[in-house]
N, C-alpha and C. Protein backbone atom coordinates (compact mmCIF):
# COMPACT_ATOMS: atom_id res chain seq x y z
N MET A 1 78.39 124.98 114.30
CA MET A 1 79.21 124.96 115.42
C MET A 1 80.35 126.03 115.27
N ALA A 2 80.71 126.73 116.25
CA ALA A 2 81.74 127.76 116.19
C ALA A 2 83.14 127.19 116.10
N THR A 3 83.94 127.87 115.33
CA THR A 3 85.39 127.52 115.20
C THR A 3 86.14 128.01 116.40
N THR A 4 86.97 127.17 116.96
CA THR A 4 87.76 127.55 118.18
C THR A 4 89.20 127.55 117.77
N LYS A 5 89.98 128.55 118.33
CA LYS A 5 91.44 128.59 118.10
C LYS A 5 92.19 128.00 119.26
N TYR A 6 93.14 127.15 118.98
CA TYR A 6 93.93 126.46 119.97
C TYR A 6 95.43 126.78 119.75
N GLU A 7 96.16 126.60 120.83
CA GLU A 7 97.64 126.66 120.75
C GLU A 7 98.17 125.46 121.50
N ILE A 8 98.97 124.69 120.90
CA ILE A 8 99.64 123.55 121.57
C ILE A 8 101.12 123.81 121.61
N THR A 9 101.70 123.72 122.74
CA THR A 9 103.14 123.84 122.98
C THR A 9 103.57 122.44 123.39
N TYR A 10 104.56 121.90 122.66
CA TYR A 10 105.07 120.60 123.09
C TYR A 10 106.64 120.65 123.08
N ILE A 11 107.22 119.77 123.94
CA ILE A 11 108.63 119.73 124.11
C ILE A 11 109.17 118.44 123.64
N ILE A 12 110.17 118.50 122.69
CA ILE A 12 110.82 117.31 122.19
C ILE A 12 112.14 117.12 122.89
N LYS A 13 112.50 115.88 123.10
CA LYS A 13 113.78 115.55 123.80
C LYS A 13 114.87 116.22 123.08
N PRO A 14 115.92 116.75 123.75
CA PRO A 14 117.00 117.45 123.08
C PRO A 14 117.96 116.54 122.33
N ASP A 15 117.99 115.26 122.62
CA ASP A 15 118.91 114.39 121.89
C ASP A 15 118.34 113.76 120.61
N VAL A 16 117.26 114.26 120.19
CA VAL A 16 116.59 113.79 118.95
C VAL A 16 117.36 114.58 117.76
N ASP A 17 117.72 113.83 116.74
CA ASP A 17 118.47 114.50 115.68
C ASP A 17 117.51 115.34 114.78
N GLU A 18 118.05 116.18 113.99
CA GLU A 18 117.18 117.14 113.19
C GLU A 18 116.22 116.44 112.26
N GLU A 19 116.61 115.41 111.68
CA GLU A 19 115.78 114.68 110.74
C GLU A 19 114.54 114.09 111.46
N SER A 20 114.78 113.50 112.63
CA SER A 20 113.77 112.93 113.38
C SER A 20 112.83 113.96 113.96
N LYS A 21 113.45 115.11 114.41
CA LYS A 21 112.61 116.24 114.92
C LYS A 21 111.64 116.71 113.87
N LYS A 22 112.13 116.89 112.64
CA LYS A 22 111.30 117.34 111.53
C LYS A 22 110.17 116.35 111.26
N ALA A 23 110.50 115.05 111.38
CA ALA A 23 109.42 114.02 111.17
C ALA A 23 108.38 114.07 112.29
N ILE A 24 108.81 114.33 113.52
CA ILE A 24 107.80 114.45 114.59
C ILE A 24 106.92 115.67 114.42
N VAL A 25 107.53 116.81 114.03
CA VAL A 25 106.74 118.01 113.78
C VAL A 25 105.76 117.78 112.64
N ASP A 26 106.23 117.21 111.56
CA ASP A 26 105.35 116.91 110.40
C ASP A 26 104.21 115.99 110.79
N LYS A 27 104.54 115.00 111.62
CA LYS A 27 103.53 113.98 112.07
C LYS A 27 102.43 114.68 112.90
N TYR A 28 102.75 115.57 113.82
CA TYR A 28 101.76 116.23 114.61
C TYR A 28 101.03 117.29 113.80
N ASP A 29 101.65 117.98 112.88
CA ASP A 29 100.97 118.90 112.00
C ASP A 29 99.88 118.15 111.19
N LYS A 30 100.25 116.97 110.74
CA LYS A 30 99.35 116.09 110.00
C LYS A 30 98.21 115.58 110.78
N VAL A 31 98.45 115.30 112.06
CA VAL A 31 97.42 114.83 113.01
C VAL A 31 96.33 115.88 113.09
N ILE A 32 96.77 117.13 113.19
CA ILE A 32 95.78 118.22 113.33
C ILE A 32 94.94 118.33 112.01
N ALA A 33 95.65 118.27 110.86
CA ALA A 33 95.00 118.41 109.59
C ALA A 33 94.02 117.21 109.28
N ASP A 34 94.47 116.03 109.71
CA ASP A 34 93.65 114.87 109.43
C ASP A 34 92.41 114.74 110.35
N ASN A 35 92.37 115.55 111.42
CA ASN A 35 91.27 115.57 112.36
C ASN A 35 90.50 116.86 112.25
N ASP A 36 90.33 117.43 111.06
CA ASP A 36 89.54 118.60 110.78
C ASP A 36 90.05 119.90 111.38
N GLY A 37 91.29 119.97 111.65
CA GLY A 37 91.89 121.21 112.13
C GLY A 37 92.56 121.96 110.98
N THR A 38 92.60 123.31 111.11
CA THR A 38 93.29 124.13 110.15
C THR A 38 94.43 124.88 110.80
N MET A 39 95.63 124.47 110.26
CA MET A 39 96.88 125.02 110.84
C MET A 39 97.02 126.50 110.50
N VAL A 40 97.23 127.35 111.55
CA VAL A 40 97.46 128.78 111.39
C VAL A 40 98.96 129.01 111.39
N GLU A 41 99.69 128.35 112.31
CA GLU A 41 101.08 128.56 112.44
C GLU A 41 101.73 127.33 113.15
N SER A 42 102.89 126.91 112.70
CA SER A 42 103.63 125.89 113.40
C SER A 42 105.08 126.27 113.33
N LYS A 43 105.64 126.61 114.56
CA LYS A 43 106.95 127.14 114.55
C LYS A 43 107.79 126.55 115.70
N ASP A 44 109.11 126.59 115.46
CA ASP A 44 110.09 126.01 116.33
C ASP A 44 110.55 127.13 117.23
N TRP A 45 110.56 126.89 118.56
CA TRP A 45 111.09 127.89 119.52
C TRP A 45 112.50 127.66 119.88
N GLY A 46 113.01 126.51 119.45
CA GLY A 46 114.43 126.17 119.74
C GLY A 46 114.57 125.49 121.07
N LYS A 47 115.89 125.24 121.42
CA LYS A 47 116.22 124.49 122.63
C LYS A 47 116.27 125.53 123.78
N ARG A 48 115.64 125.12 124.87
CA ARG A 48 115.56 126.02 126.07
C ARG A 48 115.83 125.16 127.36
N HIS A 49 116.36 125.86 128.37
CA HIS A 49 116.62 125.14 129.62
C HIS A 49 115.36 125.14 130.48
N PHE A 50 115.18 124.04 131.23
CA PHE A 50 114.01 123.93 132.10
C PHE A 50 114.33 124.49 133.46
N ALA A 51 113.30 124.91 134.16
CA ALA A 51 113.44 125.32 135.54
C ALA A 51 113.72 124.12 136.47
N TYR A 52 113.23 122.95 136.10
CA TYR A 52 113.45 121.74 136.81
C TYR A 52 113.63 120.59 135.84
N GLU A 53 114.11 119.49 136.35
CA GLU A 53 114.38 118.30 135.48
C GLU A 53 113.10 117.63 135.13
N ILE A 54 113.01 117.16 133.85
CA ILE A 54 111.87 116.39 133.30
C ILE A 54 112.44 115.22 132.73
N ASP A 55 112.09 113.99 133.26
CA ASP A 55 112.60 112.74 132.80
C ASP A 55 114.14 112.68 132.61
N LYS A 56 114.81 113.33 133.54
CA LYS A 56 116.31 113.36 133.56
C LYS A 56 116.88 114.26 132.48
N TYR A 57 116.09 115.13 131.94
CA TYR A 57 116.58 116.13 130.93
C TYR A 57 116.45 117.44 131.58
N ARG A 58 117.49 118.32 131.32
CA ARG A 58 117.46 119.72 131.87
C ARG A 58 117.18 120.72 130.74
N GLU A 59 116.95 120.26 129.52
CA GLU A 59 116.58 121.15 128.40
C GLU A 59 115.77 120.36 127.37
N GLY A 60 115.10 121.07 126.50
CA GLY A 60 114.32 120.49 125.45
C GLY A 60 114.07 121.43 124.35
N VAL A 61 113.56 120.87 123.17
CA VAL A 61 113.28 121.66 122.04
C VAL A 61 111.79 121.97 122.01
N TYR A 62 111.43 123.24 122.10
CA TYR A 62 110.04 123.65 122.16
C TYR A 62 109.51 123.86 120.73
N HIS A 63 108.23 123.47 120.50
CA HIS A 63 107.52 123.69 119.27
C HIS A 63 106.10 124.15 119.56
N ILE A 64 105.66 125.12 118.88
CA ILE A 64 104.29 125.74 119.09
C ILE A 64 103.45 125.58 117.83
N MET A 65 102.22 125.10 118.01
CA MET A 65 101.25 125.04 116.89
C MET A 65 100.09 125.89 117.27
N THR A 66 99.64 126.68 116.30
CA THR A 66 98.37 127.42 116.48
C THR A 66 97.46 126.96 115.36
N PHE A 67 96.25 126.57 115.76
CA PHE A 67 95.29 126.11 114.69
C PHE A 67 93.82 126.31 115.16
N THR A 68 92.96 126.22 114.16
CA THR A 68 91.52 126.32 114.44
C THR A 68 90.87 124.99 114.20
N ALA A 69 89.75 124.77 114.88
CA ALA A 69 89.06 123.47 114.77
C ALA A 69 87.60 123.77 115.17
N ASP A 70 86.68 122.95 114.49
CA ASP A 70 85.28 123.07 114.82
C ASP A 70 84.88 122.20 116.01
N ASN A 71 85.72 121.22 116.33
CA ASN A 71 85.43 120.40 117.50
C ASN A 71 86.80 119.98 118.16
N VAL A 72 86.80 119.19 119.21
CA VAL A 72 87.97 118.90 119.92
C VAL A 72 88.66 117.63 119.49
N LYS A 73 88.18 117.06 118.38
CA LYS A 73 88.71 115.83 117.86
C LYS A 73 90.23 115.96 117.60
N ALA A 74 90.71 117.05 116.99
CA ALA A 74 92.13 117.25 116.71
C ALA A 74 92.95 117.32 117.99
N VAL A 75 92.43 118.03 118.94
CA VAL A 75 93.14 118.22 120.25
C VAL A 75 93.24 116.90 120.94
N ASN A 76 92.14 116.14 121.00
CA ASN A 76 92.16 114.90 121.69
C ASN A 76 93.11 113.86 121.03
N GLU A 77 93.13 113.90 119.67
CA GLU A 77 94.05 112.89 119.01
C GLU A 77 95.52 113.32 119.24
N PHE A 78 95.81 114.63 119.21
CA PHE A 78 97.16 115.10 119.46
C PHE A 78 97.59 114.63 120.91
N ASP A 79 96.66 114.86 121.85
CA ASP A 79 96.97 114.54 123.18
C ASP A 79 97.21 113.07 123.40
N ARG A 80 96.37 112.24 122.78
CA ARG A 80 96.52 110.82 122.87
C ARG A 80 97.89 110.36 122.29
N LEU A 81 98.25 110.86 121.11
CA LEU A 81 99.48 110.42 120.46
C LEU A 81 100.74 110.93 121.15
N SER A 82 100.71 112.17 121.65
CA SER A 82 101.83 112.72 122.25
C SER A 82 102.19 112.05 123.59
N LYS A 83 101.14 111.60 124.33
CA LYS A 83 101.39 110.88 125.52
C LYS A 83 102.06 109.55 125.40
N ILE A 84 101.93 108.90 124.24
CA ILE A 84 102.60 107.63 124.02
C ILE A 84 103.87 107.74 123.20
N ASP A 85 104.18 108.94 122.78
CA ASP A 85 105.40 109.18 121.94
C ASP A 85 106.58 109.46 122.92
N ASN A 86 107.60 108.59 122.85
CA ASN A 86 108.74 108.72 123.77
C ASN A 86 109.61 109.93 123.46
N ALA A 87 109.49 110.55 122.30
CA ALA A 87 110.33 111.72 121.95
C ALA A 87 109.72 113.01 122.48
N VAL A 88 108.43 112.98 122.90
CA VAL A 88 107.78 114.19 123.48
C VAL A 88 107.82 114.09 124.96
N LEU A 89 108.45 115.11 125.64
CA LEU A 89 108.53 115.18 127.06
C LEU A 89 107.26 115.67 127.71
N ARG A 90 106.69 116.77 127.19
CA ARG A 90 105.46 117.37 127.78
C ARG A 90 104.78 118.09 126.62
N SER A 91 103.43 118.33 126.87
CA SER A 91 102.68 119.14 125.95
C SER A 91 101.62 119.92 126.79
N MET A 92 101.20 121.04 126.23
CA MET A 92 100.20 121.84 126.87
C MET A 92 99.29 122.41 125.77
N THR A 93 97.98 122.34 126.00
CA THR A 93 97.03 122.83 125.04
C THR A 93 96.27 123.98 125.70
N VAL A 94 96.19 125.10 124.94
CA VAL A 94 95.45 126.25 125.43
C VAL A 94 94.37 126.68 124.41
N LYS A 95 93.23 126.92 124.87
CA LYS A 95 92.13 127.43 124.05
C LYS A 95 92.25 128.95 124.00
N LEU A 96 92.43 129.49 122.86
CA LEU A 96 92.62 130.97 122.77
C LEU A 96 91.35 131.73 122.47
N ASP A 97 91.30 133.01 122.97
CA ASP A 97 90.20 133.90 122.66
C ASP A 97 90.38 134.31 121.23
N LYS A 98 89.29 134.60 120.59
CA LYS A 98 89.37 135.04 119.19
C LYS A 98 89.93 136.41 119.03
């Protein structure tokens, strides 16, 4: 099966403290690794203002992960967990061209 490259951007609530934010990032990096994904890059984009309000927040902390995977298991697990995590406002997954 061919390896596919993905990019996930997710937004963490701005009122989460630094220690908790680091724990969230580490948790999702581990989710990718535990589900047969290989992390290429995981970086913080910092706090940015939104064009519109999301869950009564006008800004959030953006984080971007780029990784490769042989199947969609890692993407599906990230999606499932981020939807039930109260600290994550939004996420978006993009399948990248090689």
